[in-house]
């Protein structure tokens, strides 16, 4: 049992030496790379969210612009209609004045 224990310790030590290659701790390096990957994924997700937010804002601004354009067109049409009606009334007034004279 003691010999098995010693044998297992030696195997563990050999495995640890294999993990550290050329003075580089591969486990620590893998953990560091995993951490960097996670940070990159978080940053990418933030950028996606920001891009989506900007896209929504752009859509809202475009809709506002269209609404303003439509309102302007409606007001312009209303003004044209009232101008036409005013000219008609003016013509009727002038005709009535000439009849009275």
N, C-alpha and C. Protein backbone atom coordinates (compact mmCIF):
# COMPACT_ATOMS: atom_id res chain seq x y z
N UNK A 1 0.83 -1.19 0.00
CA UNK A 1 0.00 0.00 0.00
C UNK A 1 0.88 1.25 0.00
N UNK A 2 1.92 1.19 0.84
CA UNK A 2 2.83 2.33 0.89
C UNK A 2 3.57 2.46 -0.44
N UNK A 3 3.91 1.32 -1.00
CA UNK A 3 4.63 1.31 -2.27
C UNK A 3 3.72 1.83 -3.40
N UNK A 4 2.44 1.44 -3.35
CA UNK A 4 1.48 1.94 -4.35
C UNK A 4 1.33 3.46 -4.22
N UNK A 5 1.28 3.92 -2.99
CA UNK A 5 1.15 5.35 -2.72
C UNK A 5 2.35 6.09 -3.30
N UNK A 6 3.54 5.55 -3.05
CA UNK A 6 4.77 6.16 -3.56
C UNK A 6 4.76 6.15 -5.09
N UNK A 7 4.31 5.06 -5.66
CA UNK A 7 4.26 4.93 -7.11
C UNK A 7 3.30 5.96 -7.71
N UNK A 8 2.16 6.14 -7.06
CA UNK A 8 1.20 7.14 -7.53
C UNK A 8 1.77 8.56 -7.42
N UNK A 9 2.49 8.84 -6.34
CA UNK A 9 3.12 10.15 -6.18
C UNK A 9 4.13 10.40 -7.29
N UNK A 10 4.91 9.36 -7.63
CA UNK A 10 5.91 9.50 -8.70
C UNK A 10 5.22 9.75 -10.05
N UNK A 11 4.12 9.04 -10.28
CA UNK A 11 3.38 9.25 -11.53
C UNK A 11 2.81 10.67 -11.59
N UNK A 12 2.29 11.13 -10.46
CA UNK A 12 1.75 12.49 -10.38
C UNK A 12 2.84 13.51 -10.66
N UNK A 13 3.99 13.30 -10.06
CA UNK A 13 5.12 14.20 -10.26
C UNK A 13 5.54 14.21 -11.73
N UNK A 14 5.56 13.02 -12.35
CA UNK A 14 5.93 12.92 -13.76
C UNK A 14 4.91 13.67 -14.62
N UNK A 15 3.63 13.54 -14.29
CA UNK A 15 2.58 14.24 -15.04
C UNK A 15 2.73 15.76 -14.89
N UNK A 16 3.03 16.20 -13.65
CA UNK A 16 3.21 17.63 -13.42
C UNK A 16 4.37 18.17 -14.24
N UNK A 17 5.45 17.38 -14.33
CA UNK A 17 6.61 17.81 -15.11
C UNK A 17 6.27 17.88 -16.59
N UNK A 18 5.41 16.97 -17.06
CA UNK A 18 4.99 17.00 -18.46
C UNK A 18 4.14 18.23 -18.75
N UNK A 19 3.33 18.64 -17.76
CA UNK A 19 2.46 19.79 -17.92
C UNK A 19 3.29 21.08 -18.02
N UNK A 20 4.39 21.14 -17.30
CA UNK A 20 5.27 22.31 -17.38
C UNK A 20 6.34 22.00 -18.41
N UNK A 21 6.21 22.60 -19.58
CA UNK A 21 7.13 22.34 -20.68
C UNK A 21 7.87 23.62 -21.01
N UNK A 22 9.18 23.54 -21.07
CA UNK A 22 9.98 24.71 -21.43
C UNK A 22 9.76 25.88 -20.49
N UNK A 23 9.54 25.63 -19.24
CA UNK A 23 9.33 26.68 -18.25
C UNK A 23 7.95 27.32 -18.34
N UNK A 24 7.09 26.76 -19.18
CA UNK A 24 5.74 27.31 -19.33
C UNK A 24 4.74 26.36 -18.70
N UNK A 25 3.95 26.89 -17.79
CA UNK A 25 2.91 26.09 -17.13
C UNK A 25 1.71 26.05 -18.08
N UNK A 26 1.52 24.90 -18.74
CA UNK A 26 0.46 24.78 -19.74
C UNK A 26 -0.93 24.96 -19.15
N UNK A 27 -1.13 24.49 -17.92
CA UNK A 27 -2.45 24.66 -17.30
C UNK A 27 -2.74 26.14 -17.07
N UNK A 28 -1.74 26.86 -16.54
CA UNK A 28 -1.94 28.29 -16.29
C UNK A 28 -2.16 29.02 -17.61
N UNK A 29 -1.41 28.62 -18.63
CA UNK A 29 -1.54 29.26 -19.94
C UNK A 29 -2.94 29.00 -20.52
N UNK A 30 -3.40 27.75 -20.38
CA UNK A 30 -4.74 27.41 -20.88
C UNK A 30 -5.81 28.21 -20.14
N UNK A 31 -5.64 28.35 -18.81
CA UNK A 31 -6.60 29.13 -18.02
C UNK A 31 -6.59 30.60 -18.47
N UNK A 32 -5.39 31.12 -18.71
CA UNK A 32 -5.27 32.51 -19.15
C UNK A 32 -5.94 32.71 -20.51
N UNK A 33 -5.71 31.76 -21.42
CA UNK A 33 -6.33 31.85 -22.74
C UNK A 33 -7.85 31.75 -22.64
N UNK A 34 -8.31 30.89 -21.75
CA UNK A 34 -9.76 30.75 -21.55
C UNK A 34 -10.35 32.05 -21.03
N UNK A 35 -9.62 32.68 -20.10
CA UNK A 35 -10.08 33.96 -19.54
C UNK A 35 -10.12 35.03 -20.63
N UNK A 36 -9.09 35.08 -21.47
CA UNK A 36 -9.06 36.05 -22.57
C UNK A 36 -10.20 35.81 -23.55
N UNK A 37 -10.46 34.54 -23.83
CA UNK A 37 -11.54 34.19 -24.74
C UNK A 37 -12.89 34.64 -24.16
N UNK A 38 -13.06 34.43 -22.87
CA UNK A 38 -14.30 34.84 -22.21
C UNK A 38 -14.47 36.36 -22.27
N UNK A 39 -13.36 37.09 -22.02
CA UNK A 39 -13.41 38.55 -22.08
C UNK A 39 -13.75 39.01 -23.50
N UNK A 40 -13.16 38.35 -24.48
CA UNK A 40 -13.43 38.70 -25.88
C UNK A 40 -14.90 38.45 -26.22
N UNK A 41 -15.43 37.33 -25.74
CA UNK A 41 -16.84 37.02 -25.99
C UNK A 41 -17.76 38.06 -25.35
N UNK A 42 -17.40 38.49 -24.13
CA UNK A 42 -18.21 39.51 -23.45
C UNK A 42 -18.16 40.83 -24.22
N UNK A 43 -16.97 41.20 -24.68
CA UNK A 43 -16.82 42.44 -25.45
C UNK A 43 -17.62 42.36 -26.75
N UNK A 44 -17.55 41.21 -27.40
CA UNK A 44 -18.29 41.01 -28.64
C UNK A 44 -19.80 41.13 -28.40
N UNK A 45 -20.27 40.55 -27.31
CA UNK A 45 -21.69 40.63 -26.97
C UNK A 45 -22.10 42.08 -26.71
N UNK A 46 -21.23 42.84 -26.00
CA UNK A 46 -21.51 44.25 -25.75
C UNK A 46 -21.62 45.02 -27.07
N UNK A 47 -20.71 44.72 -27.99
CA UNK A 47 -20.73 45.40 -29.29
C UNK A 47 -21.99 45.05 -30.07
N UNK A 48 -22.41 43.80 -29.98
CA UNK A 48 -23.65 43.39 -30.66
C UNK A 48 -24.85 44.15 -30.09
N UNK A 49 -24.89 44.24 -28.76
CA UNK A 49 -25.99 44.96 -28.11
C UNK A 49 -25.99 46.43 -28.53
N UNK A 50 -24.81 47.04 -28.58
CA UNK A 50 -24.69 48.45 -28.96
C UNK A 50 -25.14 48.64 -30.41
N UNK A 51 -24.72 47.72 -31.27
CA UNK A 51 -25.10 47.80 -32.69
C UNK A 51 -26.62 47.68 -32.83
N UNK A 52 -27.23 46.79 -32.07
CA UNK A 52 -28.68 46.60 -32.11
C UNK A 52 -29.39 47.87 -31.62
N UNK A 53 -28.85 48.46 -30.54
CA UNK A 53 -29.43 49.69 -30.00
C UNK A 53 -29.34 50.82 -31.03
N UNK A 54 -28.19 50.95 -31.68
CA UNK A 54 -28.02 51.98 -32.71
C UNK A 54 -28.96 51.75 -33.89
N UNK A 55 -29.14 50.49 -34.26
CA UNK A 55 -30.04 50.17 -35.37
C UNK A 55 -31.48 50.58 -35.03
N UNK A 56 -31.90 50.30 -33.78
CA UNK A 56 -33.25 50.68 -33.35
C UNK A 56 -33.41 52.20 -33.35
N UNK A 57 -32.39 52.91 -32.84
CA UNK A 57 -32.45 54.36 -32.82
C UNK A 57 -32.55 54.92 -34.24
N UNK A 58 -31.80 54.33 -35.14
CA UNK A 58 -31.82 54.77 -36.54
C UNK A 58 -33.21 54.55 -37.15
N UNK A 59 -33.81 53.40 -36.87
CA UNK A 59 -35.17 53.12 -37.36
C UNK A 59 -36.16 54.15 -36.82
N UNK A 60 -36.03 54.48 -35.51
CA UNK A 60 -36.94 55.46 -34.91
C UNK A 60 -36.79 56.83 -35.57
N UNK A 61 -35.53 57.24 -35.80
CA UNK A 61 -35.28 58.54 -36.44
C UNK A 61 -35.85 58.56 -37.85
N UNK A 62 -35.69 57.46 -38.56
CA UNK A 62 -36.22 57.37 -39.93
C UNK A 62 -37.74 57.48 -39.91
N UNK A 63 -38.38 56.81 -38.93
CA UNK A 63 -39.84 56.87 -38.82
C UNK A 63 -40.29 58.29 -38.50
N UNK A 64 -39.54 58.95 -37.59
CA UNK A 64 -39.87 60.35 -37.25
C UNK A 64 -39.78 61.22 -38.51
N UNK A 65 -38.73 61.02 -39.29
CA UNK A 65 -38.54 61.80 -40.52
C UNK A 65 -39.72 61.58 -41.48
N UNK A 66 -40.12 60.31 -41.62
CA UNK A 66 -41.25 60.00 -42.50
C UNK A 66 -42.54 60.65 -42.00
N UNK A 67 -42.74 60.62 -40.68
CA UNK A 67 -43.94 61.24 -40.10
C UNK A 67 -43.95 62.74 -40.37
N UNK A 68 -42.79 63.38 -40.21
CA UNK A 68 -42.69 64.82 -40.44
C UNK A 68 -42.97 65.13 -41.91
N UNK A 69 -42.39 64.33 -42.80
CA UNK A 69 -42.62 64.52 -44.23
C UNK A 69 -44.11 64.40 -44.56
N UNK A 70 -44.75 63.38 -43.98
CA UNK A 70 -46.17 63.15 -44.23
C UNK A 70 -47.00 64.31 -43.71
N UNK A 71 -46.65 64.79 -42.51
CA UNK A 71 -47.38 65.91 -41.92
C UNK A 71 -47.22 67.14 -42.81
N UNK A 72 -46.00 67.38 -43.30
CA UNK A 72 -45.74 68.53 -44.17
C UNK A 72 -46.59 68.43 -45.44
N UNK A 73 -46.61 67.25 -46.02
CA UNK A 73 -47.40 67.04 -47.23
C UNK A 73 -48.87 67.32 -46.94
N UNK A 74 -49.37 66.85 -45.80
CA UNK A 74 -50.77 67.07 -45.44
C UNK A 74 -51.05 68.55 -45.26
N UNK A 75 -50.16 69.26 -44.56
CA UNK A 75 -50.35 70.70 -44.33
C UNK A 75 -50.29 71.46 -45.66
N UNK A 76 -49.39 71.03 -46.52
CA UNK A 76 -49.26 71.68 -47.82
C UNK A 76 -50.54 71.48 -48.64
N UNK A 77 -51.06 70.25 -48.61
CA UNK A 77 -52.31 69.97 -49.32
C UNK A 77 -53.45 70.80 -48.73
N UNK A 78 -53.48 70.89 -47.40
CA UNK A 78 -54.53 71.68 -46.73
C UNK A 78 -54.43 73.15 -47.16
N UNK A 79 -53.20 73.68 -47.18
CA UNK A 79 -52.99 75.08 -47.58
C UNK A 79 -53.43 75.30 -49.03
N UNK A 80 -53.11 74.35 -49.90
CA UNK A 80 -53.51 74.47 -51.30
C UNK A 80 -55.03 74.47 -51.43
N UNK A 81 -55.68 73.59 -50.68
CA UNK A 81 -57.15 73.52 -50.71
C UNK A 81 -57.78 74.81 -50.23
N UNK A 82 -57.25 75.37 -49.13
CA UNK A 82 -57.81 76.62 -48.58
C UNK A 82 -57.54 77.79 -49.52
N UNK A 83 -56.37 77.79 -50.16
CA UNK A 83 -56.05 78.85 -51.12
C UNK A 83 -57.03 78.81 -52.28
N UNK A 84 -57.30 77.62 -52.77
CA UNK A 84 -58.25 77.44 -53.89
C UNK A 84 -59.64 77.95 -53.49
N UNK A 85 -60.05 77.56 -52.26
CA UNK A 85 -61.37 77.98 -51.76
C UNK A 85 -61.42 79.50 -51.60
N UNK A 86 -60.33 80.08 -51.08
CA UNK A 86 -60.26 81.52 -50.88
C UNK A 86 -60.36 82.26 -52.22
N UNK A 87 -59.67 81.75 -53.24
CA UNK A 87 -59.74 82.36 -54.58
C UNK A 87 -61.17 82.31 -55.12
N UNK A 88 -61.83 81.20 -54.89
CA UNK A 88 -63.21 81.03 -55.36
C UNK A 88 -64.13 82.04 -54.67
N UNK A 89 -63.97 82.17 -53.34
CA UNK A 89 -64.79 83.11 -52.58
C UNK A 89 -64.48 84.54 -53.03
N UNK A 90 -63.21 84.82 -53.25
CA UNK A 90 -62.80 86.16 -53.71
C UNK A 90 -63.46 86.48 -55.07
N UNK A 91 -63.44 85.51 -55.97
CA UNK A 91 -64.06 85.69 -57.28
C UNK A 91 -65.56 85.97 -57.12
N UNK A 92 -66.21 85.22 -56.23
CA UNK A 92 -67.65 85.41 -55.97
C UNK A 92 -67.90 86.80 -55.39
N UNK A 93 -67.01 87.25 -54.49
CA UNK A 93 -67.15 88.57 -53.88
C UNK A 93 -67.01 89.67 -54.94
N UNK A 94 -66.03 89.53 -55.81
CA UNK A 94 -65.83 90.53 -56.87
C UNK A 94 -67.03 90.56 -57.83
N UNK A 95 -67.56 89.36 -58.12
CA UNK A 95 -68.74 89.28 -59.00
C UNK A 95 -69.93 89.97 -58.33
N UNK A 96 -70.11 89.75 -57.03
CA UNK A 96 -71.21 90.36 -56.29
C UNK A 96 -71.04 91.87 -56.25
N UNK A 97 -69.81 92.36 -56.05
CA UNK A 97 -69.55 93.80 -56.00
C UNK A 97 -69.87 94.45 -57.35
N UNK A 98 -69.48 93.76 -58.43
CA UNK A 98 -69.73 94.35 -59.75
C UNK A 98 -71.24 94.38 -60.05
N UNK A 99 -71.99 93.41 -59.51
CA UNK A 99 -73.45 93.40 -59.71
C UNK A 99 -74.08 94.57 -58.96
N UNK A 100 -73.57 94.85 -57.77
CA UNK A 100 -74.12 95.91 -56.93
C UNK A 100 -73.80 97.28 -57.54
N UNK A 101 -72.65 97.43 -58.15
CA UNK A 101 -72.25 98.73 -58.71
C UNK A 101 -73.07 99.16 -59.84
